[in-house]
Amino acid sequence: MVDTYTDTNLYALPPEDAERGLRIQLAAAYRMVDYYGWTEQIYGHLTARVPGSEAHFLINPFGLNYDEVTASNLVKIDCDGNIVDESPHPINRAGFIIHSAVHMANSEMHKCVMHTHTRAGMAIAAVKEGLQPISMAATGFYKRLSYHDYEGVSLDTDEREGLLADLGDNKAMMLRNHGILTTGRSIPEAFKRLYLLERACQIQVDAAAAGELNLLSDNVAQASADGLEGGASMHAKKVQMGGLEFAALMRKMDKIDPSYRT
């Protein structure tokens, strides 16, 4: 039986168990995004690649609110946008383009992709200098943050090659004049990274409104980045980055409304 609270490495499980666990965790992540107020109506996407040789991934049904997403109504599609399993729900083509660019590469680093259009995220994505090293959260992305220039609404498959090339070996990216994107080896890892990037953007917006930004030196920013990366497993060697935080948030979602598990 899958323990979705503690099993962050679901890809090590048999495919059927892994997909069931991924569906529950991904549906929970949609509820978490809704809980934090990071939604923009029905837009934005969180996706997870399912195990197997085929490039299939789970995406939210287009038209549903985030608090209506459940494990069973997530739609499985391929990297051409075709629905793999029968579903009464359509998908958003723009979301398919952005996420399939990452999933089709089948990298161990990018099993989950999260993309949001938050007010703070879009604000920093529209600032020429991008994210600045002014907070502990921001230093987590020091020299670890990619940038991709806006090419209009993502409807053209030709953009996928550029998206993937710009992401490179990083696990977070500012989509300039658009929003933010994070990836991870697991859903908890990608969500942890999304939380930190969103928080870093919020802090920069607030700080810039309050006064002149106080940028950390390169040495301090680098040391902080290394400490954050190394500290992810300091107290729990067997738990991947974000595992403890995600489990805690899942317990909160269960108290609020456990219907996401259905």
Protein backbone atom coordinates (compact mmCIF):
# COMPACT_ATOMS: atom_id res chain seq x y z
CA MET A 1 0.00 0.00 0.00
CA VAL A 2 1.30 3.45 -0.92
CA ASP A 3 1.87 5.84 1.96
CA THR A 4 1.43 9.19 0.22
CA TYR A 5 2.57 11.04 3.34
CA THR A 6 6.06 9.56 3.42
CA ASP A 7 6.71 8.00 0.00
CA THR A 8 8.47 10.78 -1.87
CA ASN A 9 10.28 8.37 -4.21
CA LEU A 10 7.12 6.94 -5.77
CA TYR A 11 8.98 6.12 -8.99
CA ALA A 12 10.70 3.26 -7.18
CA LEU A 13 7.34 1.51 -6.69
CA PRO A 14 5.56 -0.81 -9.16
CA PRO A 15 3.99 1.32 -11.96
CA GLU A 16 0.37 0.89 -10.84
CA ASP A 17 1.14 1.80 -7.22
CA ALA A 18 3.39 4.65 -8.36
CA GLU A 19 0.70 6.21 -10.56
CA ARG A 20 -1.91 5.99 -7.82
CA GLY A 21 0.46 7.67 -5.38
CA LEU A 22 1.39 10.34 -7.93
CA ARG A 23 -2.27 11.10 -8.60
CA ILE A 24 -2.96 11.60 -4.90
CA GLN A 25 0.11 13.76 -4.32
CA LEU A 26 -0.48 15.86 -7.44
CA ALA A 27 -4.14 16.43 -6.55
CA ALA A 28 -2.99 17.45 -3.06
CA ALA A 29 -0.53 19.90 -4.62
CA TYR A 30 -3.37 21.56 -6.56
CA ARG A 31 -5.28 21.98 -3.29
CA MET A 32 -2.14 23.47 -1.68
CA VAL A 33 -1.76 26.01 -4.48
CA ASP A 34 -5.41 26.93 -3.99
CA TYR A 35 -4.90 27.15 -0.21
CA TYR A 36 -2.02 29.61 -0.62
CA GLY A 37 -3.97 31.73 -3.13
CA TRP A 38 -1.56 31.11 -6.02
CA THR A 39 -4.25 30.38 -8.58
CA GLU A 40 -5.22 32.52 -11.55
CA GLN A 41 -8.75 31.28 -12.12
CA ILE A 42 -8.44 27.93 -13.94
CA TYR A 43 -5.00 28.60 -15.47
CA GLY A 44 -1.52 27.37 -14.61
CA HIS A 45 -0.53 23.75 -14.29
CA LEU A 46 1.21 21.21 -12.09
CA THR A 47 2.21 18.04 -13.92
CA ALA A 48 3.92 14.76 -13.11
CA ARG A 49 5.37 12.15 -15.44
CA VAL A 50 4.05 8.64 -14.85
CA PRO A 51 6.42 5.64 -14.80
CA GLY A 52 6.96 3.67 -17.98
CA SER A 53 8.72 3.84 -21.32
CA GLU A 54 6.07 6.11 -22.84
CA ALA A 55 6.27 9.87 -22.27
CA HIS A 56 2.95 10.19 -20.44
CA PHE A 57 2.15 12.74 -17.76
CA LEU A 58 -0.73 13.86 -15.57
CA ILE A 59 -2.28 17.31 -15.95
CA ASN A 60 -5.32 19.07 -14.51
CA PRO A 61 -8.66 18.99 -16.34
CA PHE A 62 -9.09 22.33 -18.13
CA GLY A 63 -12.04 24.25 -16.76
CA LEU A 64 -11.99 22.96 -13.18
CA ASN A 65 -11.01 25.06 -10.20
CA TYR A 66 -7.95 23.84 -8.33
CA ASP A 67 -10.11 22.83 -5.37
CA GLU A 68 -12.08 20.56 -7.71
CA VAL A 69 -9.05 18.56 -8.85
CA THR A 70 -8.97 14.98 -7.57
CA ALA A 71 -6.71 11.97 -8.05
CA SER A 72 -9.19 10.34 -10.43
CA ASN A 73 -10.02 13.33 -12.65
CA LEU A 74 -6.41 14.22 -13.45
CA VAL A 75 -5.91 13.64 -17.19
CA LYS A 76 -3.12 11.43 -18.54
CA ILE A 77 -1.72 12.72 -21.84
CA ASP A 78 1.27 12.13 -24.08
CA CYS A 79 3.80 14.68 -25.29
CA ASP A 80 1.72 15.31 -28.42
CA GLY A 81 -1.24 16.38 -26.31
CA ASN A 82 -3.28 13.22 -26.90
CA ILE A 83 -5.39 11.96 -24.01
CA VAL A 84 -4.09 8.48 -23.16
CA ASP A 85 -6.87 7.22 -20.89
CA GLU A 86 -10.51 8.07 -21.52
CA SER A 87 -11.51 11.34 -19.85
CA PRO A 88 -14.54 13.63 -20.15
CA HIS A 89 -12.27 16.63 -19.62
CA PRO A 90 -10.24 18.66 -22.13
CA ILE A 91 -6.74 19.97 -21.48
CA ASN A 92 -5.19 23.40 -21.96
CA ARG A 93 -2.90 23.40 -25.03
CA ALA A 94 -0.64 26.15 -23.65
CA GLY A 95 -0.09 24.10 -20.51
CA PHE A 96 0.63 21.02 -22.60
CA ILE A 97 3.31 22.85 -24.64
CA ILE A 98 5.27 24.17 -21.65
CA HIS A 99 5.15 21.00 -19.59
CA SER A 100 5.69 18.53 -22.41
CA ALA A 101 8.92 20.36 -23.27
CA VAL A 102 10.32 19.20 -19.94
CA HIS A 103 8.63 15.80 -19.66
CA MET A 104 9.62 14.58 -23.11
CA ALA A 105 13.29 14.79 -22.08
CA ASN A 106 12.55 12.19 -19.36
CA SER A 107 15.19 13.58 -17.02
CA GLU A 108 15.46 12.16 -13.53
CA MET A 109 15.69 15.75 -12.26
CA HIS A 110 12.42 16.89 -13.84
CA LYS A 111 9.75 14.29 -13.05
CA CYS A 112 7.38 17.01 -11.83
CA VAL A 113 6.84 20.48 -13.32
CA MET A 114 4.95 23.32 -11.63
CA HIS A 115 4.06 26.59 -13.34
CA THR A 116 2.04 29.42 -11.78
CA HIS A 117 0.83 32.91 -12.64
CA THR A 118 0.97 34.55 -9.23
CA ARG A 119 0.96 38.32 -8.79
CA ALA A 120 4.42 38.38 -7.20
CA GLY A 121 5.85 35.80 -9.60
CA MET A 122 4.61 37.69 -12.64
CA ALA A 123 5.88 40.97 -11.18
CA ILE A 124 9.46 39.70 -10.77
CA ALA A 125 9.23 37.97 -14.15
CA ALA A 126 8.52 41.43 -15.60
CA VAL A 127 11.50 43.10 -13.87
CA LYS A 128 14.55 43.40 -16.11
CA GLU A 129 17.08 42.37 -13.43
CA GLY A 130 14.95 39.38 -12.36
CA LEU A 131 15.23 37.78 -8.94
CA GLN A 132 17.80 39.45 -6.70
CA PRO A 133 19.75 37.91 -3.75
CA ILE A 134 18.07 39.89 -0.98
CA SER A 135 16.61 37.11 1.21
CA MET A 136 17.38 33.61 2.37
CA ALA A 137 14.64 32.28 0.09
CA ALA A 138 16.14 34.07 -2.91
CA THR A 139 19.62 32.71 -2.25
CA GLY A 140 18.24 29.23 -2.77
CA PHE A 141 18.19 30.15 -6.47
CA TYR A 142 21.54 31.96 -6.59
CA LYS A 143 23.18 30.82 -9.85
CA ARG A 144 20.51 28.12 -9.98
CA LEU A 145 17.77 30.04 -11.81
CA SER A 146 17.15 30.03 -15.56
CA TYR A 147 15.33 32.62 -17.68
CA HIS A 148 13.20 32.13 -20.78
CA ASP A 149 12.04 35.07 -22.89
CA TYR A 150 8.33 35.50 -23.56
CA GLU A 151 7.23 34.36 -27.03
CA GLY A 152 3.50 34.93 -26.62
CA VAL A 153 0.90 32.44 -25.46
CA SER A 154 2.58 29.03 -25.62
CA LEU A 155 0.70 27.38 -28.49
CA ASP A 156 3.58 26.47 -30.81
CA THR A 157 5.48 23.21 -30.33
CA ASP A 158 8.55 24.93 -31.79
CA GLU A 159 8.97 26.74 -28.45
CA ARG A 160 9.61 23.48 -26.60
CA GLU A 161 13.23 23.16 -27.72
CA GLY A 162 14.06 26.67 -26.52
CA LEU A 163 12.28 26.14 -23.19
CA LEU A 164 14.24 22.99 -22.47
CA ALA A 165 17.53 24.55 -23.58
CA ASP A 166 16.98 27.59 -21.36
CA LEU A 167 16.13 25.43 -18.35
CA GLY A 168 19.36 23.47 -18.74
CA ASP A 169 20.51 21.79 -15.53
CA ASN A 170 18.56 24.16 -13.26
CA LYS A 171 15.32 23.22 -11.52
CA ALA A 172 13.69 26.64 -11.51
CA MET A 173 13.04 29.19 -14.24
CA MET A 174 11.58 32.65 -14.61
CA LEU A 175 9.35 32.81 -17.67
CA ARG A 176 9.97 36.47 -18.45
CA ASN A 177 6.83 38.63 -18.57
CA HIS A 178 4.85 35.49 -17.80
CA GLY A 179 5.36 33.60 -14.51
CA ILE A 180 7.50 31.09 -12.64
CA LEU A 181 8.32 27.42 -13.13
CA THR A 182 9.95 24.78 -10.94
CA THR A 183 10.78 21.11 -11.36
CA GLY A 184 11.79 18.24 -9.12
CA ARG A 185 12.57 14.54 -8.87
CA SER A 186 9.30 14.22 -6.99
CA ILE A 187 6.11 16.22 -6.43
CA PRO A 188 7.16 17.26 -2.88
CA GLU A 189 10.53 18.48 -4.17
CA ALA A 190 9.00 20.55 -6.97
CA PHE A 191 6.43 22.03 -4.56
CA LYS A 192 9.07 22.95 -2.00
CA ARG A 193 10.99 24.74 -4.74
CA LEU A 194 7.80 26.48 -5.93
CA TYR A 195 7.07 27.67 -2.40
CA LEU A 196 10.59 29.10 -1.97
CA LEU A 197 10.58 30.83 -5.37
CA GLU A 198 7.15 32.33 -4.79
CA ARG A 199 8.18 33.51 -1.33
CA ALA A 200 11.39 35.03 -2.74
CA CYS A 201 9.34 36.94 -5.33
CA GLN A 202 6.90 38.19 -2.67
CA ILE A 203 9.76 39.42 -0.49
CA GLN A 204 11.40 41.27 -3.38
CA VAL A 205 8.16 43.01 -4.34
CA ASP A 206 7.58 44.09 -0.73
CA ALA A 207 11.18 45.15 -0.16
CA ALA A 208 11.35 47.18 -3.37
CA ALA A 209 8.20 49.03 -2.33
CA ALA A 210 9.66 49.76 1.13
CA GLY A 211 13.06 51.12 0.07
CA GLU A 212 16.35 50.43 -1.69
CA LEU A 213 17.19 46.75 -2.04
CA ASN A 214 20.14 45.52 0.02
CA LEU A 215 21.81 42.88 -2.14
CA LEU A 216 23.85 40.18 -0.45
CA SER A 217 27.46 39.77 -1.53
CA ASP A 218 28.36 36.95 -3.91
CA ASN A 219 30.19 35.06 -1.14
CA VAL A 220 27.28 35.25 1.30
CA ALA A 221 24.68 34.41 -1.35
CA GLN A 222 26.71 31.40 -2.49
CA ALA A 223 27.25 30.15 1.05
CA SER A 224 23.55 30.52 1.78
CA ALA A 225 22.63 28.66 -1.42
CA ASP A 226 24.99 25.81 -0.57
CA GLY A 227 23.63 25.64 2.98
CA LEU A 228 20.03 25.50 1.82
CA GLU A 229 20.80 22.76 -0.70
CA GLY A 230 22.79 20.70 1.81
CA GLY A 231 20.35 21.24 4.66
CA ALA A 232 17.44 19.69 2.77
CA SER A 233 18.27 16.25 4.14
CA MET A 234 20.13 17.25 7.32
CA HIS A 235 17.52 15.87 9.69
CA ALA A 236 16.03 13.16 7.52
CA LYS A 237 18.57 11.39 5.34
CA LYS A 238 15.98 9.10 3.78
CA VAL A 239 13.51 11.87 2.90
CA GLN A 240 13.94 13.81 -0.34
CA MET A 241 13.82 17.59 -0.42
CA GLY A 242 10.36 18.82 0.50
CA GLY A 243 9.18 15.47 1.86
CA LEU A 244 8.56 16.55 5.45
CA GLU A 245 6.93 19.85 4.49
CA PHE A 246 4.70 18.22 1.87
CA ALA A 247 3.54 15.53 4.29
CA ALA A 248 2.63 18.22 6.82
CA LEU A 249 0.65 20.13 4.18
CA MET A 250 -1.12 16.93 3.08
CA ARG A 251 -2.28 16.43 6.66
CA LYS A 252 -3.61 19.98 6.60
CA MET A 253 -5.42 19.35 3.30
CA ASP A 254 -6.93 16.18 4.78
CA LYS A 255 -8.33 18.20 7.68
CA ILE A 256 -9.79 20.81 5.32
CA ASP A 257 -11.16 18.54 2.59
CA PRO A 258 -9.82 15.04 1.84
CA SER A 259 -11.86 14.72 -1.37
CA TYR A 260 -8.70 15.29 -3.44
CA ARG A 261 -7.83 11.62 -2.72
CA THR A 262 -10.88 10.28 -4.56
